[in-house]
C-alpha cells in the first residue's frame, strides 16, 4: 500500500506515525499550547526529530462540548501553521484535520499534502469533490452526527458491521469523485461508548476486508484513562499499550500526541513480526 503525497510515494505497509499538532485553545489534551509560529515550529521540530512521518494540523477541536469555530477563524489558525512548517521543514508531510472543504483547500494550497476529515464528507457536501480536485490522500473517519451530538448517537445493532458498510459506501463515493488514495479511521471516541470502543478494537482485523490503510487514533483519549481511573495527562503508558494492540491488528498509521513512544512501539512491533 502506498499513498501519493504531492508526488512523494509513502509506503504504509510499514506502520507510520502521525503527530498531532492542534492550533486550538480548547483541544482536550494540548489546547492552547501552540498558539504562535515559534511554538508550532518547536513542536514540529520535536516530532520530526522523534521520527514522525506526518504532522496533523487541526484548528477546530472536535471534543464533545467544544466551541463552534467560524471557517475564517479555522483558516486563520491552520494556514500560518502549515506555511511555517513546510517553509522550515520542506521534507515534512503535513496533514490538515478539518471537515470543511474551504479549510482543506487553503491548507493544501499552503503546502499540506493530506486531508483528514472526521466526518467523511457528511458535514460538507463539497469536501470529496474538493479533495479530488486537489489530488491528495483523504482520511475518512467514522462518526455519527457532529461533535456536539455524536455522544447521543451510539445505538448500533452490530457496530463493526455497520461501520464496514459505512466505509464501503463512503469509499464508493470517494472513488466516484476521483479520489485515488483513501484511508479509513474507525473514530475511537466518536459516537461510541467506552464498551463500543473496545469492541471495535477487539475486532479491528475485520476492517482489513476493505483493503484500505487503517489509521488509529486512541492517544490519551478517555477510553484509555477512564478504565484506569486516571486522566489524559497520565495516559501515555495506556496509549502505548493500545497502540501496540492496534498494530497487531493491522493499523498502518498511529495518530498520536507522543511521537517518540509511538515510534518505539512501531520499531519493537516490527522486530516481533
C-alpha atoms as a PDB file:
ATOM      1  CA  UNK A   1       0.000   0.000   0.000  1.00  0.00           C
ATOM      2  CA  UNK A   2       1.322   3.421  -0.956  1.00  0.00           C
ATOM      3  CA  UNK A   3      -0.165   6.899  -0.807  1.00  0.00           C
ATOM      4  CA  UNK A   4       0.835   9.761  -3.087  1.00  0.00           C
ATOM      5  CA  UNK A   5       1.563  12.909  -1.093  1.00  0.00           C
ATOM      6  CA  UNK A   6       2.161  15.566  -3.746  1.00  0.00           C
ATOM      7  CA  UNK A   7       4.423  13.327  -5.774  1.00  0.00           C
ATOM      8  CA  UNK A   8       6.046  11.555  -2.837  1.00  0.00           C
ATOM      9  CA  UNK A   9       5.036   7.902  -2.602  1.00  0.00           C
ATOM     10  CA  UNK A  10       4.818   6.759   1.005  1.00  0.00           C
ATOM     11  CA  UNK A  11       4.675   3.034   1.727  1.00  0.00           C
ATOM     12  CA  UNK A  12       2.232   2.348   4.550  1.00  0.00           C
ATOM     13  CA  UNK A  13       2.874  -1.383   4.592  1.00  0.00           C
ATOM     14  CA  UNK A  14       5.400  -0.396   7.241  1.00  0.00           C
ATOM     15  CA  UNK A  15       3.400   1.334  10.009  1.00  0.00           C
ATOM     16  CA  UNK A  16       3.772   5.086  10.214  1.00  0.00           C
ATOM     17  CA  UNK A  17       3.307   7.666  12.981  1.00  0.00           C
ATOM     18  CA  UNK A  18       1.283  10.863  12.646  1.00  0.00           C
ATOM     19  CA  UNK A  19       1.967  13.541  15.239  1.00  0.00           C
ATOM     20  CA  UNK A  20      -0.968  15.640  16.446  1.00  0.00           C
ATOM     21  CA  UNK A  21      -0.421  19.388  16.497  1.00  0.00           C
ATOM     22  CA  UNK A  22      -3.544  21.286  17.467  1.00  0.00           C
ATOM     23  CA  UNK A  23      -3.557  25.044  16.976  1.00  0.00           C
ATOM     24  CA  UNK A  24      -6.677  25.392  19.085  1.00  0.00           C
ATOM     25  CA  UNK A  25      -7.342  26.906  22.510  1.00  0.00           C
ATOM     26  CA  UNK A  26      -9.618  24.069  23.664  1.00  0.00           C
ATOM     27  CA  UNK A  27      -8.428  20.650  22.448  1.00  0.00           C
ATOM     28  CA  UNK A  28      -8.748  18.059  25.195  1.00  0.00           C
ATOM     29  CA  UNK A  29      -5.030  17.493  25.774  1.00  0.00           C
ATOM     30  CA  UNK A  30      -2.881  20.131  24.077  1.00  0.00           C
ATOM     31  CA  UNK A  31      -5.278  23.047  23.664  1.00  0.00           C
ATOM     32  CA  UNK A  32      -3.580  26.443  23.855  1.00  0.00           C
ATOM     33  CA  UNK A  33      -0.012  25.114  23.782  1.00  0.00           C
ATOM     34  CA  UNK A  34       0.772  26.005  20.174  1.00  0.00           C
ATOM     35  CA  UNK A  35      -0.765  29.427  19.642  1.00  0.00           C
ATOM     36  CA  UNK A  36       2.101  31.106  17.767  1.00  0.00           C
ATOM     37  CA  UNK A  37       4.541  30.221  14.990  1.00  0.00           C
ATOM     38  CA  UNK A  38       7.506  29.694  17.289  1.00  0.00           C
ATOM     39  CA  UNK A  39       5.618  27.224  19.483  1.00  0.00           C
ATOM     40  CA  UNK A  40       4.332  25.420  16.389  1.00  0.00           C
ATOM     41  CA  UNK A  41       7.810  25.147  14.895  1.00  0.00           C
ATOM     42  CA  UNK A  42       9.350  23.920  18.146  1.00  0.00           C
ATOM     43  CA  UNK A  43       6.765  21.165  18.428  1.00  0.00           C
ATOM     44  CA  UNK A  44       7.050  20.240  14.753  1.00  0.00           C
ATOM     45  CA  UNK A  45      10.837  20.015  15.085  1.00  0.00           C
ATOM     46  CA  UNK A  46      10.484  17.829  18.160  1.00  0.00           C
ATOM     47  CA  UNK A  47       8.020  15.493  16.435  1.00  0.00           C
ATOM     48  CA  UNK A  48      10.115  15.210  13.292  1.00  0.00           C
ATOM     49  CA  UNK A  49      13.307  14.530  15.246  1.00  0.00           C
ATOM     50  CA  UNK A  50      11.434  11.853  17.205  1.00  0.00           C
ATOM     51  CA  UNK A  51      10.517  10.144  13.938  1.00  0.00           C
ATOM     52  CA  UNK A  52       7.074  11.427  12.930  1.00  0.00           C
ATOM     53  CA  UNK A  53       6.150  10.523   9.350  1.00  0.00           C
ATOM     54  CA  UNK A  54       3.291  13.021   9.238  1.00  0.00           C
ATOM     55  CA  UNK A  55       2.209  16.082  11.215  1.00  0.00           C
ATOM     56  CA  UNK A  56      -1.545  16.608  11.522  1.00  0.00           C
ATOM     57  CA  UNK A  57      -2.597  20.246  11.985  1.00  0.00           C
ATOM     58  CA  UNK A  58      -6.030  20.922  13.468  1.00  0.00           C
ATOM     59  CA  UNK A  59      -7.742  24.258  14.045  1.00  0.00           C
ATOM     60  CA  UNK A  60     -11.143  23.073  15.293  1.00  0.00           C
ATOM     61  CA  UNK A  61     -11.477  20.985  18.441  1.00  0.00           C
ATOM     62  CA  UNK A  62     -13.794  18.012  17.918  1.00  0.00           C
ATOM     63  CA  UNK A  63     -14.068  17.086  21.585  1.00  0.00           C
ATOM     64  CA  UNK A  64     -17.634  16.939  22.982  1.00  0.00           C
ATOM     65  CA  UNK A  65     -18.777  20.392  24.073  1.00  0.00           C
ATOM     66  CA  UNK A  66     -16.084  22.256  22.146  1.00  0.00           C
ATOM     67  CA  UNK A  67     -16.926  25.747  20.951  1.00  0.00           C
ATOM     68  CA  UNK A  68     -18.068  26.422  17.396  1.00  0.00           C
ATOM     69  CA  UNK A  69     -15.337  27.935  15.226  1.00  0.00           C
ATOM     70  CA  UNK A  70     -16.001  30.127  12.198  1.00  0.00           C
ATOM     71  CA  UNK A  71     -14.441  28.978   8.927  1.00  0.00           C
ATOM     72  CA  UNK A  72     -12.409  32.180   8.698  1.00  0.00           C
ATOM     73  CA  UNK A  73     -11.027  31.599  12.202  1.00  0.00           C
ATOM     74  CA  UNK A  74     -10.165  27.984  11.422  1.00  0.00           C
ATOM     75  CA  UNK A  75      -8.296  29.071   8.293  1.00  0.00           C
ATOM     76  CA  UNK A  76      -6.555  31.822  10.271  1.00  0.00           C
ATOM     77  CA  UNK A  77      -5.313  29.204  12.750  1.00  0.00           C
ATOM     78  CA  UNK A  78      -4.358  26.467  10.310  1.00  0.00           C
ATOM     79  CA  UNK A  79      -2.776  28.206   7.315  1.00  0.00           C
ATOM     80  CA  UNK A  80       0.036  30.042   9.163  1.00  0.00           C
ATOM     81  CA  UNK A  81       0.964  26.810  10.971  1.00  0.00           C
ATOM     82  CA  UNK A  82       1.088  24.812   7.733  1.00  0.00           C
ATOM     83  CA  UNK A  83       3.015  27.564   5.961  1.00  0.00           C
ATOM     84  CA  UNK A  84       5.573  27.873   8.756  1.00  0.00           C
ATOM     85  CA  UNK A  85       6.191  24.122   8.967  1.00  0.00           C
ATOM     86  CA  UNK A  86       6.622  23.480   5.241  1.00  0.00           C
ATOM     87  CA  UNK A  87       8.910  26.504   4.935  1.00  0.00           C
ATOM     88  CA  UNK A  88      11.116  25.485   7.870  1.00  0.00           C
ATOM     89  CA  UNK A  89      10.929  21.720   7.217  1.00  0.00           C
ATOM     90  CA  UNK A  90      10.388  21.258   3.465  1.00  0.00           C
ATOM     91  CA  UNK A  91      10.526  17.466   3.718  1.00  0.00           C
ATOM     92  CA  UNK A  92       7.736  17.313   6.303  1.00  0.00           C
ATOM     93  CA  UNK A  93       4.456  15.747   5.190  1.00  0.00           C
ATOM     94  CA  UNK A  94       1.652  17.811   6.686  1.00  0.00           C
ATOM     95  CA  UNK A  95      -1.969  16.731   7.070  1.00  0.00           C
ATOM     96  CA  UNK A  96      -4.883  19.068   7.760  1.00  0.00           C
ATOM     97  CA  UNK A  97      -7.527  17.900  10.228  1.00  0.00           C
ATOM     98  CA  UNK A  98     -10.747  19.548   9.053  1.00  0.00           C
ATOM     99  CA  UNK A  99     -14.261  18.717   7.899  1.00  0.00           C
ATOM    100  CA  UNK A 100     -14.557  21.925   5.836  1.00  0.00           C
ATOM    101  CA  UNK A 101     -13.637  21.994   2.167  1.00  0.00           C
ATOM    102  CA  UNK A 102     -12.608  25.667   2.272  1.00  0.00           C
ATOM    103  CA  UNK A 103     -10.120  24.949   5.060  1.00  0.00           C
ATOM    104  CA  UNK A 104      -8.848  21.850   3.268  1.00  0.00           C
ATOM    105  CA  UNK A 105      -8.247  23.820   0.078  1.00  0.00           C
ATOM    106  CA  UNK A 106      -6.496  26.674   1.890  1.00  0.00           C
ATOM    107  CA  UNK A 107      -4.240  24.271   3.782  1.00  0.00           C
ATOM    108  CA  UNK A 108      -3.316  22.186   0.732  1.00  0.00           C
ATOM    109  CA  UNK A 109      -2.565  25.340  -1.275  1.00  0.00           C
ATOM    110  CA  UNK A 110      -0.309  26.427   1.625  1.00  0.00           C
ATOM    111  CA  UNK A 111       1.704  23.205   1.494  1.00  0.00           C
ATOM    112  CA  UNK A 112      -0.245  20.462   3.289  1.00  0.00           C
ATOM    113  CA  UNK A 113      -0.421  17.125   1.496  1.00  0.00           C
ATOM    114  CA  UNK A 114      -3.256  15.126   3.143  1.00  0.00           C
ATOM    115  CA  UNK A 115      -6.849  15.884   4.187  1.00  0.00           C
ATOM    116  CA  UNK A 116      -8.045  14.250   7.402  1.00  0.00           C
ATOM    117  CA  UNK A 117     -11.847  14.574   7.685  1.00  0.00           C
ATOM    118  CA  UNK A 118     -13.638  13.390  10.834  1.00  0.00           C
ATOM    119  CA  UNK A 119     -16.984  13.463   9.003  1.00  0.00           C
ATOM    120  CA  UNK A 120     -16.019  11.667   5.761  1.00  0.00           C
ATOM    121  CA  UNK A 121     -17.841  14.371   3.844  1.00  0.00           C
ATOM    122  CA  UNK A 122     -21.030  14.339   5.918  1.00  0.00           C
ATOM    123  CA  UNK A 123     -20.546  17.868   7.264  1.00  0.00           C
ATOM    124  CA  UNK A 124     -19.573  19.498   3.969  1.00  0.00           C
ATOM    125  CA  UNK A 125     -21.099  18.310   0.700  1.00  0.00           C
ATOM    126  CA  UNK A 126     -18.228  19.860  -1.248  1.00  0.00           C
ATOM    127  CA  UNK A 127     -15.439  18.052   0.588  1.00  0.00           C
ATOM    128  CA  UNK A 128     -14.968  14.985  -1.612  1.00  0.00           C
ATOM    129  CA  UNK A 129     -15.115  16.984  -4.836  1.00  0.00           C
ATOM    130  CA  UNK A 130     -12.553  19.387  -3.382  1.00  0.00           C
ATOM    131  CA  UNK A 131     -10.182  16.607  -2.296  1.00  0.00           C
ATOM    132  CA  UNK A 132     -10.475  15.015  -5.735  1.00  0.00           C
ATOM    133  CA  UNK A 133      -9.604  18.315  -7.411  1.00  0.00           C
ATOM    134  CA  UNK A 134      -6.608  18.734  -5.097  1.00  0.00           C
ATOM    135  CA  UNK A 135      -5.480  15.137  -5.771  1.00  0.00           C
ATOM    136  CA  UNK A 136      -4.309  14.396  -2.237  1.00  0.00           C
ATOM    137  CA  UNK A 137      -4.907  11.409   0.064  1.00  0.00           C
ATOM    138  CA  UNK A 138      -8.176  11.502   2.009  1.00  0.00           C
ATOM    139  CA  UNK A 139      -8.578  10.095   5.515  1.00  0.00           C
ATOM    140  CA  UNK A 140     -12.229   9.314   6.229  1.00  0.00           C
ATOM    141  CA  UNK A 141     -13.305   8.790   9.826  1.00  0.00           C
ATOM    142  CA  UNK A 142     -16.423   7.076  11.147  1.00  0.00           C
ATOM    143  CA  UNK A 143     -18.701   9.358  13.133  1.00  0.00           C
ATOM    144  CA  UNK A 144     -22.415   9.896  13.515  1.00  0.00           C
ATOM    145  CA  UNK A 145     -23.838  13.403  13.774  1.00  0.00           C
ATOM    146  CA  UNK A 146     -21.364  16.122  14.675  1.00  0.00           C
ATOM    147  CA  UNK A 147     -19.075  16.764  17.659  1.00  0.00           C
ATOM    148  CA  UNK A 148     -21.974  18.293  19.595  1.00  0.00           C
ATOM    149  CA  UNK A 149     -24.427  15.433  19.018  1.00  0.00           C
ATOM    150  CA  UNK A 150     -22.250  12.368  18.487  1.00  0.00           C
ATOM    151  CA  UNK A 151     -22.387  11.063  22.047  1.00  0.00           C
ATOM    152  CA  UNK A 152     -26.179  10.718  21.817  1.00  0.00           C
ATOM    153  CA  UNK A 153     -25.924   8.585  18.671  1.00  0.00           C
ATOM    154  CA  UNK A 154     -24.453   5.337  19.982  1.00  0.00           C
ATOM    155  CA  UNK A 155     -27.282   2.868  19.224  1.00  0.00           C
ATOM    156  CA  UNK A 156     -25.965   0.074  16.984  1.00  0.00           C
ATOM    157  CA  UNK A 157     -27.173  -3.449  16.280  1.00  0.00           C
ATOM    158  CA  UNK A 158     -23.697  -4.581  15.213  1.00  0.00           C
ATOM    159  CA  UNK A 159     -21.275  -1.697  15.386  1.00  0.00           C
ATOM    160  CA  UNK A 160     -18.468  -3.154  13.291  1.00  0.00           C
ATOM    161  CA  UNK A 161     -20.821  -4.453  10.593  1.00  0.00           C
ATOM    162  CA  UNK A 162     -22.440  -1.007  10.371  1.00  0.00           C
ATOM    163  CA  UNK A 163     -19.040   0.693  10.253  1.00  0.00           C
ATOM    164  CA  UNK A 164     -17.887  -1.585   7.431  1.00  0.00           C
ATOM    165  CA  UNK A 165     -20.999  -0.707   5.436  1.00  0.00           C
ATOM    166  CA  UNK A 166     -20.401   2.987   6.155  1.00  0.00           C
ATOM    167  CA  UNK A 167     -16.834   2.820   4.877  1.00  0.00           C
ATOM    168  CA  UNK A 168     -17.824   0.785   1.819  1.00  0.00           C
ATOM    169  CA  UNK A 169     -20.387   3.429   0.871  1.00  0.00           C
ATOM    170  CA  UNK A 170     -18.002   6.296   1.577  1.00  0.00           C
ATOM    171  CA  UNK A 171     -15.219   4.669  -0.424  1.00  0.00           C
ATOM    172  CA  UNK A 172     -17.541   4.204  -3.397  1.00  0.00           C
ATOM    173  CA  UNK A 173     -18.479   7.882  -3.181  1.00  0.00           C
ATOM    174  CA  UNK A 174     -14.845   8.976  -2.908  1.00  0.00           C
ATOM    175  CA  UNK A 175     -13.854   6.870  -5.922  1.00  0.00           C
ATOM    176  CA  UNK A 176     -16.755   8.291  -7.946  1.00  0.00           C
ATOM    177  CA  UNK A 177     -15.345  11.777  -7.438  1.00  0.00           C
ATOM    178  CA  UNK A 178     -11.879  10.624  -8.467  1.00  0.00           C
ATOM    179  CA  UNK A 179     -10.087  10.367  -5.121  1.00  0.00           C
ATOM    180  CA  UNK A 180      -7.255   7.879  -5.584  1.00  0.00           C
ATOM    181  CA  UNK A 181      -5.847   7.402  -2.089  1.00  0.00           C
ATOM    182  CA  UNK A 182      -8.426   6.653   0.601  1.00  0.00           C
ATOM    183  CA  UNK A 183      -7.566   5.830   4.215  1.00  0.00           C
ATOM    184  CA  UNK A 184     -10.007   4.939   6.989  1.00  0.00           C
ATOM    185  CA  UNK A 185     -10.176   5.835  10.675  1.00  0.00           C
ATOM    186  CA  UNK A 186     -12.615   3.935  12.967  1.00  0.00           C
ATOM    187  CA  UNK A 187     -13.113   7.095  15.007  1.00  0.00           C
ATOM    188  CA  UNK A 188     -12.484   5.862  18.528  1.00  0.00           C
ATOM    189  CA  UNK A 189     -14.492   8.031  20.913  1.00  0.00           C
ATOM    190  CA  UNK A 190     -16.761   9.448  18.206  1.00  0.00           C
ATOM    191  CA  UNK A 191     -20.380   8.288  18.566  1.00  0.00           C
ATOM    192  CA  UNK A 192     -19.173   5.292  20.563  1.00  0.00           C
ATOM    193  CA  UNK A 193     -19.434   4.296  24.206  1.00  0.00           C
ATOM    194  CA  UNK A 194     -16.446   3.027  26.147  1.00  0.00           C
ATOM    195  CA  UNK A 195     -17.604  -0.554  25.645  1.00  0.00           C
ATOM    196  CA  UNK A 196     -18.142   0.013  21.926  1.00  0.00           C
ATOM    197  CA  UNK A 197     -14.640   1.463  21.555  1.00  0.00           C
ATOM    198  CA  UNK A 198     -13.185  -1.737  22.948  1.00  0.00           C
ATOM    199  CA  UNK A 199     -15.431  -3.907  20.788  1.00  0.00           C
ATOM    200  CA  UNK A 200     -14.127  -2.059  17.715  1.00  0.00           C
ATOM    201  CA  UNK A 201     -10.557  -2.507  18.959  1.00  0.00           C
ATOM    202  CA  UNK A 202     -11.104  -6.230  19.539  1.00  0.00           C
ATOM    203  CA  UNK A 203     -12.487  -6.611  16.006  1.00  0.00           C
ATOM    204  CA  UNK A 204     -10.068  -4.232  14.278  1.00  0.00           C
ATOM    205  CA  UNK A 205      -8.813  -7.000  11.982  1.00  0.00           C
ATOM    206  CA  UNK A 206     -12.271  -7.114  10.378  1.00  0.00           C
ATOM    207  CA  UNK A 207     -11.511  -3.794   8.654  1.00  0.00           C
ATOM    208  CA  UNK A 208      -8.849  -5.500   6.526  1.00  0.00           C
ATOM    209  CA  UNK A 209     -11.657  -6.665   4.248  1.00  0.00           C
ATOM    210  CA  UNK A 210     -11.815  -3.101   2.901  1.00  0.00           C
ATOM    211  CA  UNK A 211      -8.184  -3.310   1.720  1.00  0.00           C
ATOM    212  CA  UNK A 212      -7.527   0.290   2.753  1.00  0.00           C
ATOM    213  CA  UNK A 213      -4.825   1.715   5.038  1.00  0.00           C
ATOM    214  CA  UNK A 214      -6.154   1.886   8.593  1.00  0.00           C
ATOM    215  CA  UNK A 215      -5.404   4.873  10.825  1.00  0.00           C
ATOM    216  CA  UNK A 216      -5.968   4.521  14.571  1.00  0.00           C
ATOM    217  CA  UNK A 217      -6.310   7.454  16.945  1.00  0.00           C
ATOM    218  CA  UNK A 218      -6.613   6.476  20.603  1.00  0.00           C
ATOM    219  CA  UNK A 219      -3.888   8.700  22.039  1.00  0.00           C
ATOM    220  CA  UNK A 220      -4.703   9.891  25.568  1.00  0.00           C
ATOM    221  CA  UNK A 221      -8.445   9.508  24.960  1.00  0.00           C
ATOM    222  CA  UNK A 222     -10.961   8.709  27.682  1.00  0.00           C
ATOM    223  CA  UNK A 223     -11.094   5.069  26.566  1.00  0.00           C
ATOM    224  CA  UNK A 224      -7.512   4.887  27.859  1.00  0.00           C
ATOM    225  CA  UNK A 225      -7.715   6.752  31.128  1.00  0.00           C
ATOM    226  CA  UNK A 226     -11.282   6.158  32.331  1.00  0.00           C
ATOM    227  CA  UNK A 227     -10.844   2.395  32.887  1.00  0.00           C
ATOM    228  CA  UNK A 228      -7.637   3.199  34.776  1.00  0.00           C
ATOM    229  CA  UNK A 229      -9.199   5.918  36.900  1.00  0.00           C
ATOM    230  CA  UNK A 230      -6.635   8.479  35.800  1.00  0.00           C
ATOM    231  CA  UNK A 231      -6.578  11.414  33.368  1.00  0.00           C
ATOM    232  CA  UNK A 232      -5.397  12.369  29.894  1.00  0.00           C
ATOM    233  CA  UNK A 233      -2.181  13.707  31.406  1.00  0.00           C
ATOM    234  CA  UNK A 234      -1.443  10.256  32.870  1.00  0.00           C
ATOM    235  CA  UNK A 235      -2.462   8.228  29.818  1.00  0.00           C
ATOM    236  CA  UNK A 236       0.839   7.799  27.978  1.00  0.00           C
ATOM    237  CA  UNK A 237       1.521   4.240  29.102  1.00  0.00           C
ATOM    238  CA  UNK A 238      -2.048   3.142  28.421  1.00  0.00           C
ATOM    239  CA  UNK A 239      -1.952   4.794  24.997  1.00  0.00           C
ATOM    240  CA  UNK A 240       1.205   2.878  24.111  1.00  0.00           C
ATOM    241  CA  UNK A 241      -0.431  -0.393  25.141  1.00  0.00           C
ATOM    242  CA  UNK A 242      -3.413   0.266  22.870  1.00  0.00           C
ATOM    243  CA  UNK A 243      -1.129   1.400  20.045  1.00  0.00           C
ATOM    244  CA  UNK A 244       0.674  -1.932  20.224  1.00  0.00           C
ATOM    245  CA  UNK A 245      -2.613  -3.833  20.179  1.00  0.00           C
ATOM    246  CA  UNK A 246      -3.774  -1.776  17.184  1.00  0.00           C
ATOM    247  CA  UNK A 247      -0.551  -2.523  15.301  1.00  0.00           C
ATOM    248  CA  UNK A 248      -1.017  -6.228  15.934  1.00  0.00           C
ATOM    249  CA  UNK A 249      -4.488  -5.975  14.401  1.00  0.00           C
ATOM    250  CA  UNK A 250      -3.475  -4.184  11.211  1.00  0.00           C
ATOM    251  CA  UNK A 251      -3.175  -0.461  11.970  1.00  0.00           C
ATOM    252  CA  UNK A 252      -0.919   1.247   9.429  1.00  0.00           C
ATOM    253  CA  UNK A 253      -0.855   4.763  10.897  1.00  0.00           C
ATOM    254  CA  UNK A 254      -0.908   5.735  14.574  1.00  0.00           C
ATOM    255  CA  UNK A 255      -2.173   9.273  15.195  1.00  0.00           C
ATOM    256  CA  UNK A 256      -0.535  10.323  18.457  1.00  0.00           C
ATOM    257  CA  UNK A 257       0.402  13.115  20.843  1.00  0.00           C
ATOM    258  CA  UNK A 258       3.615  11.362  21.917  1.00  0.00           C
ATOM    259  CA  UNK A 259       5.665  10.610  18.828  1.00  0.00           C
ATOM    260  CA  UNK A 260       8.805   9.166  20.417  1.00  0.00           C
ATOM    261  CA  UNK A 261       6.941   6.474  22.337  1.00  0.00           C
ATOM    262  CA  UNK A 262       4.777   5.560  19.342  1.00  0.00           C
ATOM    263  CA  UNK A 263       7.827   5.263  17.074  1.00  0.00           C
ATOM    264  CA  UNK A 264       9.433   2.967  19.632  1.00  0.00           C
ATOM    265  CA  UNK A 265       6.273   0.850  19.733  1.00  0.00           C
ATOM    266  CA  UNK A 266       6.330   0.549  15.928  1.00  0.00           C
ATOM    267  CA  UNK A 267      10.034  -0.429  15.885  1.00  0.00           C
ATOM    268  CA  UNK A 268       9.619  -3.124  18.502  1.00  0.00           C
ATOM    269  CA  UNK A 269       6.435  -4.408  16.889  1.00  0.00           C
ATOM    270  CA  UNK A 270       8.232  -4.688  13.549  1.00  0.00           C
ATOM    271  CA  UNK A 271      11.025  -6.673  15.151  1.00  0.00           C
ATOM    272  CA  UNK A 272       8.485  -9.134  16.520  1.00  0.00           C
ATOM    273  CA  UNK A 273       6.999  -9.890  13.111  1.00  0.00           C
END
